[in-house]
N, C-alpha and C. Protein backbone atom coordinates (compact mmCIF):
# COMPACT_ATOMS: atom_id res chain seq x y z
N MET A 1 30.71 -0.61 -42.47
CA MET A 1 29.80 -1.70 -42.21
C MET A 1 29.92 -2.17 -40.76
N LYS A 2 31.18 -2.37 -40.28
CA LYS A 2 31.40 -2.79 -38.90
C LYS A 2 30.87 -1.75 -37.93
N LYS A 3 31.04 -0.48 -38.29
CA LYS A 3 30.57 0.62 -37.43
C LYS A 3 29.05 0.58 -37.31
N GLY A 4 28.35 0.29 -38.41
CA GLY A 4 26.88 0.21 -38.41
C GLY A 4 26.39 -0.94 -37.57
N ILE A 5 27.04 -2.11 -37.67
CA ILE A 5 26.65 -3.28 -36.88
C ILE A 5 26.90 -3.01 -35.40
N PHE A 6 28.04 -2.40 -35.08
CA PHE A 6 28.35 -2.07 -33.69
C PHE A 6 27.32 -1.11 -33.13
N THR A 7 26.94 -0.08 -33.90
CA THR A 7 25.95 0.91 -33.45
C THR A 7 24.60 0.24 -33.21
N ALA A 8 24.19 -0.65 -34.12
CA ALA A 8 22.91 -1.35 -33.95
C ALA A 8 22.95 -2.23 -32.70
N PHE A 9 24.06 -2.93 -32.50
CA PHE A 9 24.20 -3.78 -31.31
C PHE A 9 24.15 -2.94 -30.04
N LEU A 10 24.83 -1.80 -30.04
CA LEU A 10 24.85 -0.91 -28.88
C LEU A 10 23.45 -0.39 -28.58
N LEU A 11 22.72 0.05 -29.60
CA LEU A 11 21.36 0.55 -29.40
C LEU A 11 20.44 -0.55 -28.85
N MET A 12 20.57 -1.75 -29.38
CA MET A 12 19.74 -2.85 -28.91
C MET A 12 20.07 -3.19 -27.45
N SER A 13 21.32 -3.15 -27.09
CA SER A 13 21.73 -3.42 -25.70
C SER A 13 21.15 -2.38 -24.75
N VAL A 14 21.21 -1.12 -25.14
CA VAL A 14 20.69 -0.04 -24.31
C VAL A 14 19.18 -0.19 -24.14
N CYS A 15 18.46 -0.51 -25.22
CA CYS A 15 17.01 -0.69 -25.13
C CYS A 15 16.64 -1.85 -24.22
N LEU A 16 17.35 -2.97 -24.34
CA LEU A 16 17.07 -4.13 -23.50
C LEU A 16 17.39 -3.84 -22.04
N ALA A 17 18.47 -3.12 -21.79
CA ALA A 17 18.84 -2.78 -20.41
C ALA A 17 17.78 -1.87 -19.80
N GLY A 18 17.24 -0.95 -20.57
CA GLY A 18 16.19 -0.05 -20.08
C GLY A 18 14.92 -0.79 -19.73
N ARG A 19 14.57 -1.80 -20.54
CA ARG A 19 13.37 -2.59 -20.28
C ARG A 19 13.55 -3.49 -19.06
N ALA A 20 14.77 -3.93 -18.82
CA ALA A 20 15.03 -4.84 -17.71
C ALA A 20 15.20 -4.10 -16.39
N GLU A 21 15.24 -2.76 -16.45
CA GLU A 21 15.41 -1.97 -15.22
C GLU A 21 14.28 -2.27 -14.26
N LYS A 22 14.62 -2.69 -13.08
CA LYS A 22 13.65 -3.07 -12.06
C LYS A 22 13.30 -1.84 -11.22
N THR A 23 12.01 -1.65 -10.98
CA THR A 23 11.58 -0.57 -10.11
C THR A 23 11.91 -0.96 -8.68
N THR A 24 12.60 -0.06 -7.98
CA THR A 24 12.95 -0.35 -6.60
C THR A 24 12.02 0.43 -5.66
N TRP A 25 11.71 -0.19 -4.54
CA TRP A 25 10.84 0.40 -3.53
C TRP A 25 11.62 0.57 -2.24
N ARG A 26 11.31 1.63 -1.51
CA ARG A 26 11.93 1.89 -0.22
C ARG A 26 10.87 2.43 0.72
N GLN A 27 11.20 2.45 2.01
CA GLN A 27 10.30 3.01 3.02
C GLN A 27 10.17 4.51 2.79
N ALA A 28 8.97 5.04 2.80
CA ALA A 28 8.74 6.48 2.66
C ALA A 28 9.10 7.18 3.97
N THR A 29 9.59 8.39 3.86
CA THR A 29 9.95 9.17 5.05
C THR A 29 8.70 9.80 5.66
N ASP A 30 8.81 10.24 6.90
CA ASP A 30 7.70 10.93 7.57
C ASP A 30 7.29 12.18 6.79
N THR A 31 8.26 12.90 6.25
CA THR A 31 7.97 14.12 5.48
C THR A 31 7.19 13.78 4.22
N GLU A 32 7.61 12.73 3.52
CA GLU A 32 6.90 12.30 2.31
C GLU A 32 5.47 11.88 2.63
N LEU A 33 5.30 11.13 3.71
CA LEU A 33 3.97 10.67 4.09
C LEU A 33 3.07 11.84 4.48
N ALA A 34 3.63 12.83 5.19
CA ALA A 34 2.85 14.01 5.60
C ALA A 34 2.39 14.81 4.39
N SER A 35 3.19 14.84 3.33
CA SER A 35 2.80 15.60 2.14
C SER A 35 1.80 14.82 1.28
N LEU A 36 1.73 13.50 1.45
CA LEU A 36 0.84 12.66 0.64
C LEU A 36 -0.50 12.39 1.31
N LEU A 37 -0.47 12.04 2.58
CA LEU A 37 -1.68 11.62 3.28
C LEU A 37 -2.41 12.81 3.88
N PRO A 38 -3.74 12.83 3.80
CA PRO A 38 -4.49 13.98 4.31
C PRO A 38 -4.65 13.95 5.83
N ALA A 39 -4.77 15.13 6.41
CA ALA A 39 -5.07 15.24 7.85
C ALA A 39 -6.52 14.81 8.11
N ARG A 40 -7.38 15.00 7.10
CA ARG A 40 -8.78 14.57 7.16
C ARG A 40 -9.07 13.81 5.87
N ALA A 41 -9.21 12.50 5.98
CA ALA A 41 -9.39 11.64 4.81
C ALA A 41 -10.83 11.68 4.31
N PRO A 42 -11.00 11.84 3.00
CA PRO A 42 -12.36 11.80 2.43
C PRO A 42 -12.88 10.36 2.39
N VAL A 43 -13.84 10.06 3.27
CA VAL A 43 -14.42 8.73 3.36
C VAL A 43 -15.93 8.86 3.23
N GLU A 44 -16.45 8.32 2.14
CA GLU A 44 -17.86 8.45 1.79
C GLU A 44 -18.23 9.93 1.83
N LYS A 45 -19.15 10.34 2.71
CA LYS A 45 -19.59 11.75 2.73
C LYS A 45 -18.94 12.55 3.85
N GLU A 46 -17.90 11.98 4.47
CA GLU A 46 -17.27 12.65 5.61
C GLU A 46 -15.78 12.86 5.34
N HIS A 47 -15.18 13.69 6.16
CA HIS A 47 -13.74 13.88 6.15
C HIS A 47 -13.25 13.51 7.54
N ILE A 48 -12.70 12.30 7.64
CA ILE A 48 -12.35 11.72 8.93
C ILE A 48 -10.89 12.03 9.27
N GLU A 49 -10.67 12.45 10.51
CA GLU A 49 -9.32 12.76 10.96
C GLU A 49 -8.42 11.53 10.90
N THR A 50 -7.14 11.79 10.61
CA THR A 50 -6.15 10.71 10.58
C THR A 50 -5.13 10.92 11.70
N GLU A 51 -4.49 9.85 12.08
CA GLU A 51 -3.46 9.89 13.13
C GLU A 51 -2.11 9.76 12.43
N MET A 52 -1.52 10.91 12.07
CA MET A 52 -0.31 10.92 11.24
C MET A 52 0.87 10.17 11.85
N ARG A 53 0.94 10.05 13.16
CA ARG A 53 2.08 9.34 13.75
C ARG A 53 2.01 7.85 13.44
N THR A 54 0.87 7.35 12.93
CA THR A 54 0.74 5.95 12.55
C THR A 54 0.98 5.72 11.06
N ALA A 55 1.26 6.78 10.31
CA ALA A 55 1.41 6.68 8.85
C ALA A 55 2.59 5.79 8.48
N SER A 56 2.40 5.02 7.43
CA SER A 56 3.45 4.16 6.92
C SER A 56 3.26 4.02 5.42
N GLY A 57 4.36 3.83 4.72
CA GLY A 57 4.23 3.65 3.28
C GLY A 57 5.55 3.35 2.61
N ILE A 58 5.43 3.04 1.34
CA ILE A 58 6.60 2.78 0.51
C ILE A 58 6.51 3.65 -0.73
N VAL A 59 7.64 3.94 -1.34
CA VAL A 59 7.70 4.75 -2.54
C VAL A 59 8.67 4.08 -3.51
N ASN A 60 8.34 4.15 -4.81
CA ASN A 60 9.25 3.54 -5.77
C ASN A 60 10.13 4.59 -6.43
N SER A 61 11.01 4.14 -7.29
CA SER A 61 11.97 5.02 -7.94
C SER A 61 11.31 5.98 -8.93
N HIS A 62 10.02 5.79 -9.21
CA HIS A 62 9.26 6.69 -10.08
C HIS A 62 8.39 7.66 -9.29
N GLY A 63 8.51 7.65 -7.96
CA GLY A 63 7.73 8.56 -7.12
C GLY A 63 6.30 8.12 -6.88
N ARG A 64 5.99 6.84 -7.07
CA ARG A 64 4.66 6.31 -6.81
C ARG A 64 4.64 5.73 -5.38
N TYR A 65 3.54 5.98 -4.68
CA TYR A 65 3.42 5.58 -3.28
C TYR A 65 2.34 4.53 -3.09
N ILE A 66 2.54 3.72 -2.07
CA ILE A 66 1.50 2.91 -1.46
C ILE A 66 1.65 3.24 0.02
N ALA A 67 0.64 3.93 0.56
CA ALA A 67 0.78 4.46 1.92
C ALA A 67 -0.57 4.44 2.63
N GLY A 68 -0.50 4.38 3.95
CA GLY A 68 -1.73 4.37 4.72
C GLY A 68 -1.55 5.02 6.07
N VAL A 69 -2.69 5.20 6.74
CA VAL A 69 -2.71 5.86 8.04
C VAL A 69 -3.97 5.40 8.78
N VAL A 70 -3.92 5.42 10.10
CA VAL A 70 -5.07 5.06 10.92
C VAL A 70 -6.08 6.20 10.91
N LEU A 71 -7.36 5.83 10.81
CA LEU A 71 -8.45 6.81 10.89
C LEU A 71 -8.92 6.93 12.33
N ILE A 72 -9.25 8.15 12.73
CA ILE A 72 -9.85 8.38 14.06
C ILE A 72 -11.35 8.46 13.82
N THR A 73 -12.03 7.32 13.93
CA THR A 73 -13.43 7.22 13.50
C THR A 73 -14.46 7.50 14.58
N ALA A 74 -14.05 7.65 15.83
CA ALA A 74 -15.03 7.90 16.90
C ALA A 74 -15.86 9.14 16.57
N GLY A 75 -17.16 8.98 16.62
CA GLY A 75 -18.06 10.08 16.33
C GLY A 75 -18.45 10.19 14.87
N TYR A 76 -17.90 9.35 14.01
CA TYR A 76 -18.25 9.35 12.59
C TYR A 76 -19.07 8.11 12.28
N SER A 77 -19.80 8.13 11.18
CA SER A 77 -20.61 6.96 10.80
C SER A 77 -19.73 5.77 10.44
N ALA A 78 -18.46 6.00 10.15
CA ALA A 78 -17.54 4.92 9.80
C ALA A 78 -17.01 4.18 11.02
N ASP A 79 -17.35 4.63 12.23
CA ASP A 79 -16.85 4.02 13.46
C ASP A 79 -17.18 2.53 13.47
N GLY A 80 -16.16 1.71 13.58
CA GLY A 80 -16.35 0.27 13.59
C GLY A 80 -16.34 -0.36 12.22
N LYS A 81 -16.53 0.43 11.17
CA LYS A 81 -16.56 -0.09 9.81
C LYS A 81 -15.19 0.01 9.15
N TYR A 82 -14.51 1.13 9.34
CA TYR A 82 -13.19 1.34 8.76
C TYR A 82 -12.21 1.72 9.87
N SER A 83 -10.96 1.33 9.69
CA SER A 83 -9.94 1.68 10.66
C SER A 83 -8.73 2.37 10.02
N HIS A 84 -8.55 2.17 8.70
CA HIS A 84 -7.37 2.69 8.02
C HIS A 84 -7.73 3.29 6.67
N TYR A 85 -6.93 4.27 6.26
CA TYR A 85 -7.06 4.93 4.96
C TYR A 85 -5.82 4.55 4.15
N LEU A 86 -5.99 4.26 2.87
CA LEU A 86 -4.90 3.77 2.04
C LEU A 86 -4.86 4.50 0.71
N VAL A 87 -3.69 5.02 0.34
CA VAL A 87 -3.47 5.66 -0.96
C VAL A 87 -2.62 4.71 -1.79
N VAL A 88 -3.09 4.37 -2.97
CA VAL A 88 -2.39 3.45 -3.86
C VAL A 88 -2.11 4.19 -5.17
N GLN A 89 -0.83 4.35 -5.52
CA GLN A 89 -0.47 5.03 -6.76
C GLN A 89 0.17 4.09 -7.78
N ALA A 90 0.23 2.81 -7.46
CA ALA A 90 0.74 1.79 -8.38
C ALA A 90 -0.13 0.56 -8.18
N PRO A 91 -0.39 -0.21 -9.22
CA PRO A 91 -1.21 -1.40 -9.05
C PRO A 91 -0.60 -2.33 -8.00
N VAL A 92 -1.46 -2.88 -7.15
CA VAL A 92 -0.98 -3.78 -6.09
C VAL A 92 -2.05 -4.84 -5.84
N ARG A 93 -1.61 -6.02 -5.46
CA ARG A 93 -2.51 -7.10 -5.08
C ARG A 93 -2.26 -7.36 -3.59
N ILE A 94 -3.26 -7.08 -2.78
CA ILE A 94 -3.15 -7.26 -1.33
C ILE A 94 -3.97 -8.48 -0.93
N GLY A 95 -3.26 -9.52 -0.50
CA GLY A 95 -3.95 -10.75 -0.11
C GLY A 95 -4.87 -11.28 -1.18
N GLY A 96 -4.50 -11.12 -2.43
CA GLY A 96 -5.32 -11.61 -3.54
C GLY A 96 -6.31 -10.60 -4.09
N ILE A 97 -6.44 -9.43 -3.46
CA ILE A 97 -7.36 -8.39 -3.94
C ILE A 97 -6.58 -7.40 -4.80
N ALA A 98 -6.95 -7.29 -6.07
CA ALA A 98 -6.27 -6.38 -6.99
C ALA A 98 -6.79 -4.96 -6.79
N LEU A 99 -5.88 -4.03 -6.51
CA LEU A 99 -6.24 -2.63 -6.35
C LEU A 99 -5.57 -1.81 -7.44
N LYS A 100 -6.36 -0.98 -8.09
CA LYS A 100 -5.85 -0.02 -9.06
C LYS A 100 -5.45 1.23 -8.30
N PRO A 101 -4.68 2.11 -8.93
CA PRO A 101 -4.37 3.37 -8.24
C PRO A 101 -5.67 4.07 -7.81
N GLY A 102 -5.67 4.53 -6.57
CA GLY A 102 -6.85 5.20 -6.01
C GLY A 102 -6.75 5.29 -4.50
N GLU A 103 -7.87 5.66 -3.88
CA GLU A 103 -7.93 5.82 -2.43
C GLU A 103 -8.92 4.80 -1.87
N TYR A 104 -8.48 4.13 -0.82
CA TYR A 104 -9.25 3.05 -0.22
C TYR A 104 -9.31 3.20 1.29
N VAL A 105 -10.28 2.53 1.90
CA VAL A 105 -10.34 2.41 3.35
C VAL A 105 -10.49 0.93 3.66
N PHE A 106 -9.99 0.54 4.81
CA PHE A 106 -10.23 -0.84 5.21
C PHE A 106 -10.48 -0.91 6.70
N GLY A 107 -11.17 -1.95 7.05
CA GLY A 107 -11.47 -2.25 8.44
C GLY A 107 -11.30 -3.75 8.63
N TRP A 108 -11.37 -4.18 9.86
CA TRP A 108 -11.16 -5.59 10.13
C TRP A 108 -12.02 -6.03 11.30
N GLU A 109 -12.19 -7.34 11.39
CA GLU A 109 -12.85 -7.95 12.54
C GLU A 109 -12.11 -9.23 12.86
N ARG A 110 -12.09 -9.58 14.11
CA ARG A 110 -11.38 -10.77 14.57
C ARG A 110 -12.10 -12.01 14.06
N ASP A 111 -11.34 -12.97 13.56
CA ASP A 111 -11.89 -14.22 13.05
C ASP A 111 -11.00 -15.36 13.53
N GLY A 112 -11.20 -15.79 14.77
CA GLY A 112 -10.35 -16.82 15.36
C GLY A 112 -8.95 -16.27 15.58
N ASP A 113 -7.95 -16.91 15.00
CA ASP A 113 -6.57 -16.47 15.14
C ASP A 113 -6.11 -15.65 13.93
N ALA A 114 -7.07 -15.01 13.27
CA ALA A 114 -6.78 -14.17 12.10
C ALA A 114 -7.68 -12.93 12.16
N LEU A 115 -7.42 -12.02 11.27
CA LEU A 115 -8.29 -10.85 11.09
C LEU A 115 -8.92 -10.96 9.70
N LYS A 116 -10.20 -10.72 9.61
CA LYS A 116 -10.89 -10.64 8.32
C LYS A 116 -10.87 -9.16 7.94
N VAL A 117 -10.14 -8.83 6.88
CA VAL A 117 -9.94 -7.44 6.46
C VAL A 117 -10.82 -7.17 5.23
N HIS A 118 -11.60 -6.08 5.30
CA HIS A 118 -12.49 -5.67 4.21
C HIS A 118 -11.93 -4.38 3.61
N ILE A 119 -11.68 -4.39 2.30
CA ILE A 119 -11.14 -3.21 1.62
C ILE A 119 -12.25 -2.59 0.78
N ASN A 120 -12.44 -1.26 0.96
CA ASN A 120 -13.50 -0.53 0.28
C ASN A 120 -12.93 0.68 -0.44
N ILE A 121 -13.64 1.14 -1.46
CA ILE A 121 -13.28 2.39 -2.13
C ILE A 121 -13.64 3.52 -1.17
N ALA A 122 -12.71 4.43 -0.93
CA ALA A 122 -12.92 5.48 0.07
C ALA A 122 -14.09 6.40 -0.27
N ALA A 123 -14.21 6.81 -1.51
CA ALA A 123 -15.23 7.80 -1.89
C ALA A 123 -16.65 7.26 -1.78
N THR A 124 -16.84 5.97 -2.06
CA THR A 124 -18.20 5.42 -2.11
C THR A 124 -18.50 4.40 -1.02
N GLY A 125 -17.47 3.80 -0.45
CA GLY A 125 -17.68 2.74 0.53
C GLY A 125 -17.94 1.39 -0.13
N ALA A 126 -17.88 1.32 -1.46
CA ALA A 126 -18.13 0.06 -2.17
C ALA A 126 -17.04 -0.96 -1.83
N LEU A 127 -17.46 -2.16 -1.49
CA LEU A 127 -16.54 -3.23 -1.14
C LEU A 127 -15.77 -3.68 -2.37
N VAL A 128 -14.44 -3.72 -2.25
CA VAL A 128 -13.57 -4.23 -3.31
C VAL A 128 -13.31 -5.71 -3.07
N GLY A 129 -13.11 -6.08 -1.81
CA GLY A 129 -12.88 -7.49 -1.48
C GLY A 129 -12.50 -7.66 -0.03
N SER A 130 -12.40 -8.92 0.37
CA SER A 130 -12.01 -9.27 1.74
C SER A 130 -10.87 -10.28 1.68
N THR A 131 -10.02 -10.23 2.68
CA THR A 131 -8.89 -11.15 2.78
C THR A 131 -8.57 -11.36 4.25
N ASP A 132 -7.71 -12.31 4.53
CA ASP A 132 -7.33 -12.60 5.90
C ASP A 132 -5.94 -12.08 6.20
N ALA A 133 -5.77 -11.54 7.39
CA ALA A 133 -4.45 -11.18 7.91
C ALA A 133 -4.13 -12.22 8.98
N HIS A 134 -2.95 -12.82 8.87
CA HIS A 134 -2.57 -13.88 9.81
C HIS A 134 -1.51 -13.38 10.78
N ARG A 135 -1.49 -14.01 11.94
CA ARG A 135 -0.52 -13.65 12.99
C ARG A 135 0.90 -13.83 12.44
N ILE A 136 1.76 -12.86 12.70
CA ILE A 136 3.14 -12.92 12.28
C ILE A 136 3.89 -13.90 13.19
N VAL A 137 4.59 -14.82 12.59
CA VAL A 137 5.34 -15.83 13.33
C VAL A 137 6.61 -15.20 13.89
N GLY A 138 6.94 -15.55 15.12
CA GLY A 138 8.15 -15.02 15.76
C GLY A 138 7.88 -13.70 16.45
N LYS A 139 8.95 -13.14 16.98
CA LYS A 139 8.83 -11.85 17.68
C LYS A 139 8.83 -10.71 16.67
N THR A 140 7.89 -9.85 16.84
CA THR A 140 7.82 -8.65 16.01
C THR A 140 7.16 -7.55 16.82
N ARG A 141 7.52 -6.35 16.53
CA ARG A 141 6.93 -5.20 17.21
C ARG A 141 5.49 -5.00 16.75
N VAL A 142 4.62 -4.69 17.66
CA VAL A 142 3.22 -4.42 17.32
C VAL A 142 3.16 -3.03 16.68
N GLU A 143 2.52 -2.96 15.52
CA GLU A 143 2.41 -1.69 14.77
C GLU A 143 0.94 -1.43 14.46
N SER A 144 0.51 -0.18 14.58
CA SER A 144 -0.85 0.18 14.16
C SER A 144 -1.01 -0.07 12.68
N LEU A 145 0.03 0.27 11.92
CA LEU A 145 0.10 0.02 10.49
C LEU A 145 1.55 0.11 10.07
N ARG A 146 1.99 -0.86 9.31
CA ARG A 146 3.32 -0.79 8.71
C ARG A 146 3.28 -1.47 7.37
N ILE A 147 3.70 -0.73 6.36
CA ILE A 147 3.81 -1.29 5.02
C ILE A 147 5.29 -1.52 4.79
N TRP A 148 5.68 -2.79 4.71
CA TRP A 148 7.07 -3.16 4.54
C TRP A 148 7.44 -3.07 3.05
N PRO A 149 8.63 -2.60 2.72
CA PRO A 149 9.06 -2.61 1.31
C PRO A 149 9.12 -4.04 0.78
N PRO A 150 8.81 -4.24 -0.49
CA PRO A 150 8.76 -5.61 -1.03
C PRO A 150 10.09 -6.37 -0.93
N GLY A 151 11.21 -5.68 -0.91
CA GLY A 151 12.50 -6.35 -0.77
C GLY A 151 12.71 -6.92 0.61
N ASP A 152 12.02 -6.38 1.62
CA ASP A 152 12.17 -6.85 3.00
C ASP A 152 11.20 -8.00 3.30
N LYS A 153 9.91 -7.69 3.33
CA LYS A 153 8.93 -8.70 3.70
C LYS A 153 7.68 -8.71 2.81
N ALA A 154 7.40 -7.67 2.07
CA ALA A 154 6.18 -7.56 1.24
C ALA A 154 4.94 -7.88 2.07
N LEU A 155 4.82 -7.19 3.20
CA LEU A 155 3.68 -7.37 4.10
C LEU A 155 3.08 -6.04 4.48
N ILE A 156 1.78 -6.05 4.72
CA ILE A 156 1.10 -4.92 5.34
C ILE A 156 0.74 -5.41 6.74
N GLN A 157 1.35 -4.80 7.74
CA GLN A 157 1.19 -5.24 9.12
C GLN A 157 0.15 -4.39 9.82
N ILE A 158 -0.77 -5.09 10.51
CA ILE A 158 -1.80 -4.45 11.33
C ILE A 158 -1.69 -5.12 12.70
N GLY A 159 -1.17 -4.40 13.69
CA GLY A 159 -0.97 -5.00 15.01
C GLY A 159 0.05 -6.12 14.95
N ARG A 160 -0.36 -7.34 15.34
CA ARG A 160 0.51 -8.53 15.26
C ARG A 160 0.19 -9.38 14.04
N PHE A 161 -0.63 -8.84 13.14
CA PHE A 161 -1.10 -9.59 11.98
C PHE A 161 -0.56 -8.96 10.70
N ALA A 162 -0.53 -9.76 9.63
CA ALA A 162 0.00 -9.24 8.37
C ALA A 162 -0.71 -9.86 7.17
N ILE A 163 -0.75 -9.08 6.09
CA ILE A 163 -1.30 -9.52 4.81
C ILE A 163 -0.16 -9.41 3.79
N PRO A 164 0.11 -10.45 3.03
CA PRO A 164 1.13 -10.33 1.97
C PRO A 164 0.59 -9.50 0.81
N TYR A 165 1.49 -8.85 0.09
CA TYR A 165 1.08 -8.11 -1.10
C TYR A 165 2.10 -8.30 -2.21
N GLU A 166 1.67 -7.99 -3.43
CA GLU A 166 2.54 -8.04 -4.60
C GLU A 166 2.31 -6.76 -5.40
N ILE A 167 3.39 -6.14 -5.83
CA ILE A 167 3.29 -4.96 -6.67
C ILE A 167 3.01 -5.41 -8.10
N GLY A 168 2.05 -4.75 -8.76
CA GLY A 168 1.71 -5.08 -10.14
C GLY A 168 2.56 -4.31 -11.13
N GLU A 169 2.35 -4.60 -12.39
CA GLU A 169 3.07 -3.90 -13.48
C GLU A 169 2.40 -2.56 -13.73
N GLU A 170 3.25 -1.54 -13.94
CA GLU A 170 2.70 -0.21 -14.25
C GLU A 170 2.56 -0.03 -15.72
């Protein structure tokens, strides 16, 4: 009888520990980003070149990525409309905009001391939503794009501006 109770308690403890396991995120390596992000991103009806040296992203312990790269839009119809390509493999809320796993593009325009960022579905150009990126307080390095791991800052940095994000439940 004691053995049965102990076994049940042990099984319940293991199940609860498994459910409480927190997904950890870390900065993705250049090699990981190169294997994930395309050299030519599919945006609407075009395949726009990307600037891989600007790639940034995070990866979780389950191999899911949130990563992006700058688009080289000169000469394409997206010039001025989109500036970045984003791959989302886990639900995320960026500045209040809920994104499901998929491929997105975003662009921005200056709005006073902030950037108005528009996020669109890459394949269709359909607007998902708009949010503001605010100037980062204090000294920080200017980045074309940097996605900070949620344990550090939970920010998507564009230049001197940033948008907070939250990882959703998978």
